[in-house]
Amino acid sequence: MKREEEKSYAGLFLFLSFILVLTMAWAVWDEAIGKRPWKMYQTRFYKLEREKAGGEYGESMVKLKSLRPSLQAYQVRFEDINESDRCMSCHVGINRKESVSGE
């Protein structure tokens, strides 16, 4: 019989390492796919929701632009004091003489 210092445990370590790697691969597969078969349906649902929201957003923007075609950021530049005023963006038409309420 060989002495303890002369024995090789490389085969045993290789076998146990292989078992450990297989166990870890199975655990990852089981967690990601095996236990969650609904993930495929959830991914498809999210894709459909994103497409629907994108279509509704596009339609809303077209409607908004048709109602207010001049919607943009207005800016008044005062060259003499080197300042800009963007108050016109919120109060479009404030510089017009006609009344909005029809009075």
PDB file of N, CA and C in Angstrom:
ATOM      1  N   MET A   1       0.841  -1.179   0.000  1.00  0.00           N
ATOM      2  CA  MET A   1       0.000   0.000   0.000  1.00  0.00           C
ATOM      3  C   MET A   1       0.889   1.245   0.000  1.00  0.00           C
ATOM      4  N   LYS A   2       0.411   2.287  -0.786  1.00  0.00           N
ATOM      5  CA  LYS A   2       1.191   3.525  -0.907  1.00  0.00           C
ATOM      6  C   LYS A   2       1.040   4.365   0.357  1.00  0.00           C
ATOM      7  N   ARG A   3       2.064   5.124   0.616  1.00  0.00           N
ATOM      8  CA  ARG A   3       1.988   6.050   1.733  1.00  0.00           C
ATOM      9  C   ARG A   3       1.073   7.218   1.339  1.00  0.00           C
ATOM     10  N   GLU A   4       0.593   7.928   2.320  1.00  0.00           N
ATOM     11  CA  GLU A   4      -0.357   9.025   2.103  1.00  0.00           C
ATOM     12  C   GLU A   4       0.229  10.101   1.196  1.00  0.00           C
ATOM     13  N   GLU A   5       1.512  10.392   1.296  1.00  0.00           N
ATOM     14  CA  GLU A   5       2.137  11.429   0.472  1.00  0.00           C
ATOM     15  C   GLU A   5       2.244  11.027  -0.988  1.00  0.00           C
ATOM     16  N   GLU A   6       2.194   9.754  -1.287  1.00  0.00           N
ATOM     17  CA  GLU A   6       2.367   9.258  -2.644  1.00  0.00           C
ATOM     18  C   GLU A   6       1.031   9.039  -3.364  1.00  0.00           C
ATOM     19  N   LYS A   7      -0.059   9.133  -2.653  1.00  0.00           N
ATOM     20  CA  LYS A   7      -1.376   8.917  -3.274  1.00  0.00           C
ATOM     21  C   LYS A   7      -1.766  10.158  -4.082  1.00  0.00           C
ATOM     22  N   SER A   8      -2.461   9.937  -5.200  1.00  0.00           N
ATOM     23  CA  SER A   8      -2.952  11.042  -6.031  1.00  0.00           C
ATOM     24  C   SER A   8      -4.478  11.104  -5.933  1.00  0.00           C
ATOM     25  N   TYR A   9      -4.958  12.264  -5.608  1.00  0.00           N
ATOM     26  CA  TYR A   9      -6.399  12.478  -5.517  1.00  0.00           C
ATOM     27  C   TYR A   9      -6.916  13.292  -6.707  1.00  0.00           C
ATOM     28  N   ALA A  10      -6.121  13.404  -7.749  1.00  0.00           N
ATOM     29  CA  ALA A  10      -6.504  14.214  -8.910  1.00  0.00           C
ATOM     30  C   ALA A  10      -7.778  13.677  -9.560  1.00  0.00           C
ATOM     31  N   GLY A  11      -7.906  12.399  -9.714  1.00  0.00           N
ATOM     32  CA  GLY A  11      -9.111  11.806 -10.317  1.00  0.00           C
ATOM     33  C   GLY A  11     -10.349  12.092  -9.490  1.00  0.00           C
ATOM     34  N   LEU A  12     -10.221  11.943  -8.160  1.00  0.00           N
ATOM     35  CA  LEU A  12     -11.352  12.218  -7.273  1.00  0.00           C
ATOM     36  C   LEU A  12     -11.744  13.696  -7.347  1.00  0.00           C
ATOM     37  N   PHE A  13     -10.750  14.591  -7.311  1.00  0.00           N
ATOM     38  CA  PHE A  13     -11.037  16.028  -7.411  1.00  0.00           C
ATOM     39  C   PHE A  13     -11.672  16.372  -8.761  1.00  0.00           C
ATOM     40  N   LEU A  14     -11.205  15.764  -9.826  1.00  0.00           N
ATOM     41  CA  LEU A  14     -11.776  15.999 -11.142  1.00  0.00           C
ATOM     42  C   LEU A  14     -13.228  15.543 -11.194  1.00  0.00           C
ATOM     43  N   PHE A  15     -13.496  14.361 -10.664  1.00  0.00           N
ATOM     44  CA  PHE A  15     -14.857  13.832 -10.647  1.00  0.00           C
ATOM     45  C   PHE A  15     -15.775  14.722  -9.814  1.00  0.00           C
ATOM     46  N   LEU A  16     -15.349  15.111  -8.631  1.00  0.00           N
ATOM     47  CA  LEU A  16     -16.174  15.963  -7.765  1.00  0.00           C
ATOM     48  C   LEU A  16     -16.363  17.357  -8.372  1.00  0.00           C
ATOM     49  N   SER A  17     -15.347  17.886  -9.031  1.00  0.00           N
ATOM     50  CA  SER A  17     -15.486  19.183  -9.701  1.00  0.00           C
ATOM     51  C   SER A  17     -16.491  19.107 -10.836  1.00  0.00           C
ATOM     52  N   PHE A  18     -16.467  18.012 -11.570  1.00  0.00           N
ATOM     53  CA  PHE A  18     -17.425  17.806 -12.657  1.00  0.00           C
ATOM     54  C   PHE A  18     -18.850  17.739 -12.110  1.00  0.00           C
ATOM     55  N   ILE A  19     -19.039  17.018 -11.018  1.00  0.00           N
ATOM     56  CA  ILE A  19     -20.361  16.933 -10.375  1.00  0.00           C
ATOM     57  C   ILE A  19     -20.805  18.316  -9.904  1.00  0.00           C
ATOM     58  N   LEU A  20     -19.887  19.091  -9.327  1.00  0.00           N
ATOM     59  CA  LEU A  20     -20.214  20.444  -8.858  1.00  0.00           C
ATOM     60  C   LEU A  20     -20.633  21.345 -10.011  1.00  0.00           C
ATOM     61  N   VAL A  21     -19.921  21.301 -11.124  1.00  0.00           N
ATOM     62  CA  VAL A  21     -20.264  22.120 -12.288  1.00  0.00           C
ATOM     63  C   VAL A  21     -21.627  21.708 -12.843  1.00  0.00           C
ATOM     64  N   LEU A  22     -21.891  20.420 -12.941  1.00  0.00           N
ATOM     65  CA  LEU A  22     -23.206  19.955 -13.408  1.00  0.00           C
ATOM     66  C   LEU A  22     -24.322  20.421 -12.487  1.00  0.00           C
ATOM     67  N   THR A  23     -24.093  20.367 -11.181  1.00  0.00           N
ATOM     68  CA  THR A  23     -25.101  20.812 -10.217  1.00  0.00           C
ATOM     69  C   THR A  23     -25.367  22.304 -10.353  1.00  0.00           C
ATOM     70  N   MET A  24     -24.315  23.080 -10.521  1.00  0.00           N
ATOM     71  CA  MET A  24     -24.497  24.527 -10.688  1.00  0.00           C
ATOM     72  C   MET A  24     -25.224  24.849 -11.985  1.00  0.00           C
ATOM     73  N   ALA A  25     -24.891  24.155 -13.077  1.00  0.00           N
ATOM     74  CA  ALA A  25     -25.574  24.384 -14.349  1.00  0.00           C
ATOM     75  C   ALA A  25     -27.046  24.029 -14.232  1.00  0.00           C
ATOM     76  N   TRP A  26     -27.354  22.925 -13.563  1.00  0.00           N
ATOM     77  CA  TRP A  26     -28.753  22.532 -13.378  1.00  0.00           C
ATOM     78  C   TRP A  26     -29.492  23.578 -12.531  1.00  0.00           C
ATOM     79  N   ALA A  27     -28.837  24.092 -11.472  1.00  0.00           N
ATOM     80  CA  ALA A  27     -29.481  25.083 -10.601  1.00  0.00           C
ATOM     81  C   ALA A  27     -29.808  26.357 -11.376  1.00  0.00           C
ATOM     82  N   VAL A  28     -28.895  26.805 -12.221  1.00  0.00           N
ATOM     83  CA  VAL A  28     -29.138  28.012 -13.020  1.00  0.00           C
ATOM     84  C   VAL A  28     -30.270  27.761 -14.009  1.00  0.00           C
ATOM     85  N   TRP A  29     -30.251  26.627 -14.684  1.00  0.00           N
ATOM     86  CA  TRP A  29     -31.318  26.300 -15.640  1.00  0.00           C
ATOM     87  C   TRP A  29     -32.660  26.211 -14.928  1.00  0.00           C
ATOM     88  N   ASP A  30     -32.688  25.541 -13.778  1.00  0.00           N
ATOM     89  CA  ASP A  30     -33.942  25.366 -13.050  1.00  0.00           C
ATOM     90  C   ASP A  30     -34.498  26.706 -12.579  1.00  0.00           C
ATOM     91  N   GLU A  31     -33.615  27.582 -12.145  1.00  0.00           N
ATOM     92  CA  GLU A  31     -34.069  28.893 -11.666  1.00  0.00           C
ATOM     93  C   GLU A  31     -34.557  29.772 -12.805  1.00  0.00           C
ATOM     94  N   ALA A  32     -33.851  29.769 -13.920  1.00  0.00           N
ATOM     95  CA  ALA A  32     -34.167  30.691 -15.015  1.00  0.00           C
ATOM     96  C   ALA A  32     -35.272  30.168 -15.922  1.00  0.00           C
ATOM     97  N   ILE A  33     -35.329  28.872 -16.162  1.00  0.00           N
ATOM     98  CA  ILE A  33     -36.269  28.330 -17.146  1.00  0.00           C
ATOM     99  C   ILE A  33     -37.267  27.369 -16.513  1.00  0.00           C
ATOM    100  N   GLY A  34     -36.764  26.440 -15.746  1.00  0.00           N
ATOM    101  CA  GLY A  34     -37.612  25.372 -15.214  1.00  0.00           C
ATOM    102  C   GLY A  34     -38.732  25.844 -14.323  1.00  0.00           C
ATOM    103  N   LYS A  35     -38.444  26.774 -13.429  1.00  0.00           N
ATOM    104  CA  LYS A  35     -39.452  27.243 -12.480  1.00  0.00           C
ATOM    105  C   LYS A  35     -40.305  28.378 -13.031  1.00  0.00           C
ATOM    106  N   ARG A  36     -39.895  28.952 -14.141  1.00  0.00           N
ATOM    107  CA  ARG A  36     -40.600  30.127 -14.654  1.00  0.00           C
ATOM    108  C   ARG A  36     -40.972  29.957 -16.129  1.00  0.00           C
ATOM    109  N   PRO A  37     -41.884  29.056 -16.429  1.00  0.00           N
ATOM    110  CA  PRO A  37     -42.267  28.882 -17.831  1.00  0.00           C
ATOM    111  C   PRO A  37     -43.073  30.065 -18.365  1.00  0.00           C
ATOM    112  N   TRP A  38     -43.604  30.901 -17.492  1.00  0.00           N
ATOM    113  CA  TRP A  38     -44.406  32.046 -17.895  1.00  0.00           C
ATOM    114  C   TRP A  38     -43.565  33.211 -18.389  1.00  0.00           C
ATOM    115  N   LYS A  39     -42.234  33.154 -18.240  1.00  0.00           N
ATOM    116  CA  LYS A  39     -41.368  34.248 -18.675  1.00  0.00           C
ATOM    117  C   LYS A  39     -41.537  34.554 -20.160  1.00  0.00           C
ATOM    118  N   MET A  40     -41.724  33.511 -20.975  1.00  0.00           N
ATOM    119  CA  MET A  40     -41.895  33.706 -22.412  1.00  0.00           C
ATOM    120  C   MET A  40     -43.175  34.516 -22.680  1.00  0.00           C
ATOM    121  N   TYR A  41     -44.252  34.177 -21.975  1.00  0.00           N
ATOM    122  CA  TYR A  41     -45.510  34.896 -22.157  1.00  0.00           C
ATOM    123  C   TYR A  41     -45.393  36.337 -21.651  1.00  0.00           C
ATOM    124  N   GLN A  42     -44.675  36.524 -20.548  1.00  0.00           N
ATOM    125  CA  GLN A  42     -44.497  37.862 -20.005  1.00  0.00           C
ATOM    126  C   GLN A  42     -43.692  38.736 -20.965  1.00  0.00           C
ATOM    127  N   THR A  43     -42.669  38.196 -21.577  1.00  0.00           N
ATOM    128  CA  THR A  43     -41.866  38.944 -22.537  1.00  0.00           C
ATOM    129  C   THR A  43     -42.711  39.361 -23.730  1.00  0.00           C
ATOM    130  N   ARG A  44     -43.538  38.464 -24.224  1.00  0.00           N
ATOM    131  CA  ARG A  44     -44.426  38.772 -25.357  1.00  0.00           C
ATOM    132  C   ARG A  44     -45.437  39.851 -24.965  1.00  0.00           C
ATOM    133  N   PHE A  45     -45.991  39.766 -23.753  1.00  0.00           N
ATOM    134  CA  PHE A  45     -46.949  40.751 -23.281  1.00  0.00           C
ATOM    135  C   PHE A  45     -46.310  42.132 -23.203  1.00  0.00           C
ATOM    136  N   TYR A  46     -45.091  42.216 -22.667  1.00  0.00           N
ATOM    137  CA  TYR A  46     -44.396  43.500 -22.591  1.00  0.00           C
ATOM    138  C   TYR A  46     -44.154  44.078 -23.976  1.00  0.00           C
ATOM    139  N   LYS A  47     -43.829  43.222 -24.925  1.00  0.00           N
ATOM    140  CA  LYS A  47     -43.597  43.698 -26.290  1.00  0.00           C
ATOM    141  C   LYS A  47     -44.892  44.255 -26.891  1.00  0.00           C
ATOM    142  N   LEU A  48     -46.004  43.550 -26.678  1.00  0.00           N
ATOM    143  CA  LEU A  48     -47.292  44.033 -27.189  1.00  0.00           C
ATOM    144  C   LEU A  48     -47.698  45.345 -26.524  1.00  0.00           C
ATOM    145  N   GLU A  49     -47.494  45.459 -25.227  1.00  0.00           N
ATOM    146  CA  GLU A  49     -47.809  46.696 -24.518  1.00  0.00           C
ATOM    147  C   GLU A  49     -46.979  47.862 -25.032  1.00  0.00           C
ATOM    148  N   ARG A  50     -45.689  47.612 -25.289  1.00  0.00           N
ATOM    149  CA  ARG A  50     -44.811  48.668 -25.806  1.00  0.00           C
ATOM    150  C   ARG A  50     -45.269  49.122 -27.187  1.00  0.00           C
ATOM    151  N   GLU A  51     -45.673  48.166 -28.042  1.00  0.00           N
ATOM    152  CA  GLU A  51     -46.174  48.519 -29.374  1.00  0.00           C
ATOM    153  C   GLU A  51     -47.465  49.325 -29.269  1.00  0.00           C
ATOM    154  N   LYS A  52     -48.371  48.906 -28.387  1.00  0.00           N
ATOM    155  CA  LYS A  52     -49.643  49.610 -28.212  1.00  0.00           C
ATOM    156  C   LYS A  52     -49.416  51.035 -27.696  1.00  0.00           C
ATOM    157  N   ALA A  53     -48.548  51.153 -26.692  1.00  0.00           N
ATOM    158  CA  ALA A  53     -48.266  52.483 -26.132  1.00  0.00           C
ATOM    159  C   ALA A  53     -47.594  53.372 -27.164  1.00  0.00           C
ATOM    160  N   GLY A  54     -46.716  52.809 -27.974  1.00  0.00           N
ATOM    161  CA  GLY A  54     -46.059  53.600 -29.015  1.00  0.00           C
ATOM    162  C   GLY A  54     -47.051  54.107 -30.031  1.00  0.00           C
ATOM    163  N   GLY A  55     -48.015  53.267 -30.406  1.00  0.00           N
ATOM    164  CA  GLY A  55     -49.046  53.688 -31.356  1.00  0.00           C
ATOM    165  C   GLY A  55     -49.932  54.776 -30.783  1.00  0.00           C
ATOM    166  N   GLU A  56     -50.340  54.599 -29.526  1.00  0.00           N
ATOM    167  CA  GLU A  56     -51.177  55.607 -28.878  1.00  0.00           C
ATOM    168  C   GLU A  56     -50.414  56.922 -28.709  1.00  0.00           C
ATOM    169  N   TYR A  57     -49.128  56.842 -28.402  1.00  0.00           N
ATOM    170  CA  TYR A  57     -48.323  58.054 -28.255  1.00  0.00           C
ATOM    171  C   TYR A  57     -48.228  58.790 -29.587  1.00  0.00           C
ATOM    172  N   GLY A  58     -47.991  58.037 -30.660  1.00  0.00           N
ATOM    173  CA  GLY A  58     -47.902  58.654 -31.981  1.00  0.00           C
ATOM    174  C   GLY A  58     -49.196  59.327 -32.384  1.00  0.00           C
ATOM    175  N   GLU A  59     -50.323  58.644 -32.131  1.00  0.00           N
ATOM    176  CA  GLU A  59     -51.628  59.227 -32.447  1.00  0.00           C
ATOM    177  C   GLU A  59     -51.881  60.487 -31.626  1.00  0.00           C
ATOM    178  N   SER A  60     -51.511  60.466 -30.358  1.00  0.00           N
ATOM    179  CA  SER A  60     -51.711  61.636 -29.502  1.00  0.00           C
ATOM    180  C   SER A  60     -50.868  62.809 -29.965  1.00  0.00           C
ATOM    181  N   MET A  61     -49.641  62.545 -30.380  1.00  0.00           N
ATOM    182  CA  MET A  61     -48.787  63.629 -30.850  1.00  0.00           C
ATOM    183  C   MET A  61     -49.316  64.230 -32.148  1.00  0.00           C
ATOM    184  N   VAL A  62     -49.836  63.396 -33.039  1.00  0.00           N
ATOM    185  CA  VAL A  62     -50.418  63.909 -34.280  1.00  0.00           C
ATOM    186  C   VAL A  62     -51.625  64.777 -33.959  1.00  0.00           C
ATOM    187  N   LYS A  63     -52.466  64.309 -33.036  1.00  0.00           N
ATOM    188  CA  LYS A  63     -53.645  65.079 -32.641  1.00  0.00           C
ATOM    189  C   LYS A  63     -53.241  66.408 -31.993  1.00  0.00           C
ATOM    190  N   LEU A  64     -52.229  66.361 -31.133  1.00  0.00           N
ATOM    191  CA  LEU A  64     -51.771  67.572 -30.470  1.00  0.00           C
ATOM    192  C   LEU A  64     -51.213  68.571 -31.476  1.00  0.00           C
ATOM    193  N   LYS A  65     -50.442  68.089 -32.435  1.00  0.00           N
ATOM    194  CA  LYS A  65     -49.874  68.989 -33.434  1.00  0.00           C
ATOM    195  C   LYS A  65     -50.940  69.564 -34.351  1.00  0.00           C
ATOM    196  N   SER A  66     -52.018  68.806 -34.591  1.00  0.00           N
ATOM    197  CA  SER A  66     -53.088  69.344 -35.432  1.00  0.00           C
ATOM    198  C   SER A  66     -53.877  70.414 -34.677  1.00  0.00           C
ATOM    199  N   LEU A  67     -54.010  70.243 -33.363  1.00  0.00           N
ATOM    200  CA  LEU A  67     -54.729  71.239 -32.572  1.00  0.00           C
ATOM    201  C   LEU A  67     -53.901  72.503 -32.361  1.00  0.00           C
ATOM    202  N   ARG A  68     -52.615  72.322 -32.235  1.00  0.00           N
ATOM    203  CA  ARG A  68     -51.734  73.443 -31.953  1.00  0.00           C
ATOM    204  C   ARG A  68     -50.470  73.312 -32.781  1.00  0.00           C
ATOM    205  N   PRO A  69     -50.539  73.646 -34.047  1.00  0.00           N
ATOM    206  CA  PRO A  69     -49.390  73.419 -34.920  1.00  0.00           C
ATOM    207  C   PRO A  69     -48.175  74.266 -34.573  1.00  0.00           C
ATOM    208  N   SER A  70     -48.375  75.348 -33.858  1.00  0.00           N
ATOM    209  CA  SER A  70     -47.238  76.214 -33.542  1.00  0.00           C
ATOM    210  C   SER A  70     -46.638  75.901 -32.179  1.00  0.00           C
ATOM    211  N   LEU A  71     -46.879  74.697 -31.667  1.00  0.00           N
ATOM    212  CA  LEU A  71     -46.358  74.324 -30.362  1.00  0.00           C
ATOM    213  C   LEU A  71     -44.845  74.129 -30.444  1.00  0.00           C
ATOM    214  N   GLN A  72     -44.132  75.011 -29.812  1.00  0.00           N
ATOM    215  CA  GLN A  72     -42.680  74.950 -29.790  1.00  0.00           C
ATOM    216  C   GLN A  72     -42.189  75.841 -28.661  1.00  0.00           C
ATOM    217  N   ALA A  73     -40.935  75.793 -28.388  1.00  0.00           N
ATOM    218  CA  ALA A  73     -40.355  76.643 -27.353  1.00  0.00           C
ATOM    219  C   ALA A  73     -40.058  78.004 -27.955  1.00  0.00           C
ATOM    220  N   TYR A  74     -40.743  79.000 -27.472  1.00  0.00           N
ATOM    221  CA  TYR A  74     -40.517  80.361 -27.941  1.00  0.00           C
ATOM    222  C   TYR A  74     -39.504  81.030 -27.028  1.00  0.00           C
ATOM    223  N   GLN A  75     -38.731  81.907 -27.601  1.00  0.00           N
ATOM    224  CA  GLN A  75     -37.721  82.600 -26.825  1.00  0.00           C
ATOM    225  C   GLN A  75     -37.580  84.020 -27.362  1.00  0.00           C
ATOM    226  N   VAL A  76     -37.572  84.959 -26.461  1.00  0.00           N
ATOM    227  CA  VAL A  76     -37.353  86.356 -26.822  1.00  0.00           C
ATOM    228  C   VAL A  76     -35.960  86.728 -26.324  1.00  0.00           C
ATOM    229  N   ARG A  77     -35.173  87.233 -27.227  1.00  0.00           N
ATOM    230  CA  ARG A  77     -33.788  87.578 -26.893  1.00  0.00           C
ATOM    231  C   ARG A  77     -33.659  89.097 -26.753  1.00  0.00           C
ATOM    232  N   PHE A  78     -33.179  89.544 -25.592  1.00  0.00           N
ATOM    233  CA  PHE A  78     -32.931  90.947 -25.345  1.00  0.00           C
ATOM    234  C   PHE A  78     -31.425  91.181 -25.479  1.00  0.00           C
ATOM    235  N   GLU A  79     -31.037  91.695 -26.631  1.00  0.00           N
ATOM    236  CA  GLU A  79     -29.615  91.855 -26.930  1.00  0.00           C
ATOM    237  C   GLU A  79     -28.948  92.913 -26.051  1.00  0.00           C
ATOM    238  N   ASP A  80     -29.695  93.970 -25.716  1.00  0.00           N
ATOM    239  CA  ASP A  80     -29.070  95.055 -24.964  1.00  0.00           C
ATOM    240  C   ASP A  80     -28.676  94.645 -23.538  1.00  0.00           C
ATOM    241  N   ILE A  81     -29.404  93.685 -22.926  1.00  0.00           N
ATOM    242  CA  ILE A  81     -29.026  93.229 -21.582  1.00  0.00           C
ATOM    243  C   ILE A  81     -28.483  91.796 -21.603  1.00  0.00           C
ATOM    244  N   ASN A  82     -28.346  91.215 -22.784  1.00  0.00           N
ATOM    245  CA  ASN A  82     -27.776  89.888 -22.967  1.00  0.00           C
ATOM    246  C   ASN A  82     -28.547  88.822 -22.172  1.00  0.00           C
ATOM    247  N   GLU A  83     -29.879  88.821 -22.296  1.00  0.00           N
ATOM    248  CA  GLU A  83     -30.742  87.885 -21.580  1.00  0.00           C
ATOM    249  C   GLU A  83     -31.771  87.292 -22.548  1.00  0.00           C
ATOM    250  N   SER A  84     -32.312  86.136 -22.145  1.00  0.00           N
ATOM    251  CA  SER A  84     -33.383  85.489 -22.910  1.00  0.00           C
ATOM    252  C   SER A  84     -34.583  85.294 -22.009  1.00  0.00           C
ATOM    253  N   ASP A  85     -35.771  85.418 -22.578  1.00  0.00           N
ATOM    254  CA  ASP A  85     -37.005  85.204 -21.835  1.00  0.00           C
ATOM    255  C   ASP A  85     -37.801  84.129 -22.553  1.00  0.00           C
ATOM    256  N   ARG A  86     -38.100  83.055 -21.867  1.00  0.00           N
ATOM    257  CA  ARG A  86     -38.874  81.965 -22.465  1.00  0.00           C
ATOM    258  C   ARG A  86     -40.292  81.926 -21.928  1.00  0.00           C
ATOM    259  N   CYS A  87     -40.756  82.962 -21.362  1.00  0.00           N
ATOM    260  CA  CYS A  87     -42.112  83.004 -20.827  1.00  0.00           C
ATOM    261  C   CYS A  87     -43.139  82.846 -21.931  1.00  0.00           C
ATOM    262  N   MET A  88     -42.770  83.134 -23.144  1.00  0.00           N
ATOM    263  CA  MET A  88     -43.681  83.019 -24.279  1.00  0.00           C
ATOM    264  C   MET A  88     -44.047  81.562 -24.561  1.00  0.00           C
ATOM    265  N   SER A  89     -43.265  80.592 -24.074  1.00  0.00           N
ATOM    266  CA  SER A  89     -43.556  79.180 -24.332  1.00  0.00           C
ATOM    267  C   SER A  89     -44.853  78.752 -23.666  1.00  0.00           C
ATOM    268  N   CYS A  90     -45.092  79.248 -22.463  1.00  0.00           N
ATOM    269  CA  CYS A  90     -46.307  78.868 -21.737  1.00  0.00           C
ATOM    270  C   CYS A  90     -47.494  79.751 -22.098  1.00  0.00           C
ATOM    271  N   HIS A  91     -47.236  80.973 -22.455  1.00  0.00           N
ATOM    272  CA  HIS A  91     -48.290  81.949 -22.713  1.00  0.00           C
ATOM    273  C   HIS A  91     -48.318  82.317 -24.193  1.00  0.00           C
ATOM    274  N   VAL A  92     -48.514  81.284 -25.021  1.00  0.00           N
ATOM    275  CA  VAL A  92     -48.538  81.515 -26.466  1.00  0.00           C
ATOM    276  C   VAL A  92     -49.708  82.436 -26.795  1.00  0.00           C
ATOM    277  N   GLY A  93     -49.461  83.465 -27.534  1.00  0.00           N
ATOM    278  CA  GLY A  93     -50.506  84.394 -27.943  1.00  0.00           C
ATOM    279  C   GLY A  93     -50.744  85.523 -26.974  1.00  0.00           C
ATOM    280  N   ILE A  94     -49.919  85.648 -25.952  1.00  0.00           N
ATOM    281  CA  ILE A  94     -50.130  86.711 -24.972  1.00  0.00           C
ATOM    282  C   ILE A  94     -49.897  88.094 -25.577  1.00  0.00           C
ATOM    283  N   ASN A  95     -49.138  88.143 -26.659  1.00  0.00           N
ATOM    284  CA  ASN A  95     -48.848  89.429 -27.283  1.00  0.00           C
ATOM    285  C   ASN A  95     -49.918  89.827 -28.307  1.00  0.00           C
ATOM    286  N   ARG A  96     -50.952  89.009 -28.498  1.00  0.00           N
ATOM    287  CA  ARG A  96     -52.030  89.339 -29.432  1.00  0.00           C
ATOM    288  C   ARG A  96     -53.064  90.229 -28.753  1.00  0.00           C
ATOM    289  N   LYS A  97     -53.731  91.042 -29.561  1.00  0.00           N
ATOM    290  CA  LYS A  97     -54.723  91.976 -29.026  1.00  0.00           C
ATOM    291  C   LYS A  97     -56.090  91.326 -28.832  1.00  0.00           C
ATOM    292  N   GLU A  98     -56.423  90.299 -29.639  1.00  0.00           N
ATOM    293  CA  GLU A  98     -57.759  89.700 -29.545  1.00  0.00           C
ATOM    294  C   GLU A  98     -57.909  88.904 -28.250  1.00  0.00           C
ATOM    295  N   SER A  99     -59.123  88.812 -27.771  1.00  0.00           N
ATOM    296  CA  SER A  99     -59.413  88.140 -26.511  1.00  0.00           C
ATOM    297  C   SER A  99     -59.653  86.645 -26.755  1.00  0.00           C
ATOM    298  N   VAL A 100     -59.208  85.845 -25.840  1.00  0.00           N
ATOM    299  CA  VAL A 100     -59.400  84.407 -25.950  1.00  0.00           C
ATOM    300  C   VAL A 100     -60.822  84.025 -25.542  1.00  0.00           C
ATOM    301  N   SER A 101     -61.374  84.706 -24.561  1.00  0.00           N
ATOM    302  CA  SER A 101     -62.708  84.359 -24.056  1.00  0.00           C
ATOM    303  C   SER A 101     -63.830  84.907 -24.926  1.00  0.00           C
ATOM    304  N   GLY A 102     -63.538  85.734 -25.883  1.00  0.00           N
ATOM    305  CA  GLY A 102     -64.572  86.267 -26.778  1.00  0.00           C
ATOM    306  C   GLY A 102     -65.303  87.450 -26.228  1.00  0.00           C
ATOM    307  N   GLU A 103     -64.824  88.062 -25.189  1.00  0.00           N
ATOM    308  CA  GLU A 103     -65.509  89.227 -24.595  1.00  0.00           C
ATOM    309  C   GLU A 103     -65.245  90.471 -25.380  1.00  0.00           C
TER     310      GLU A 103
END
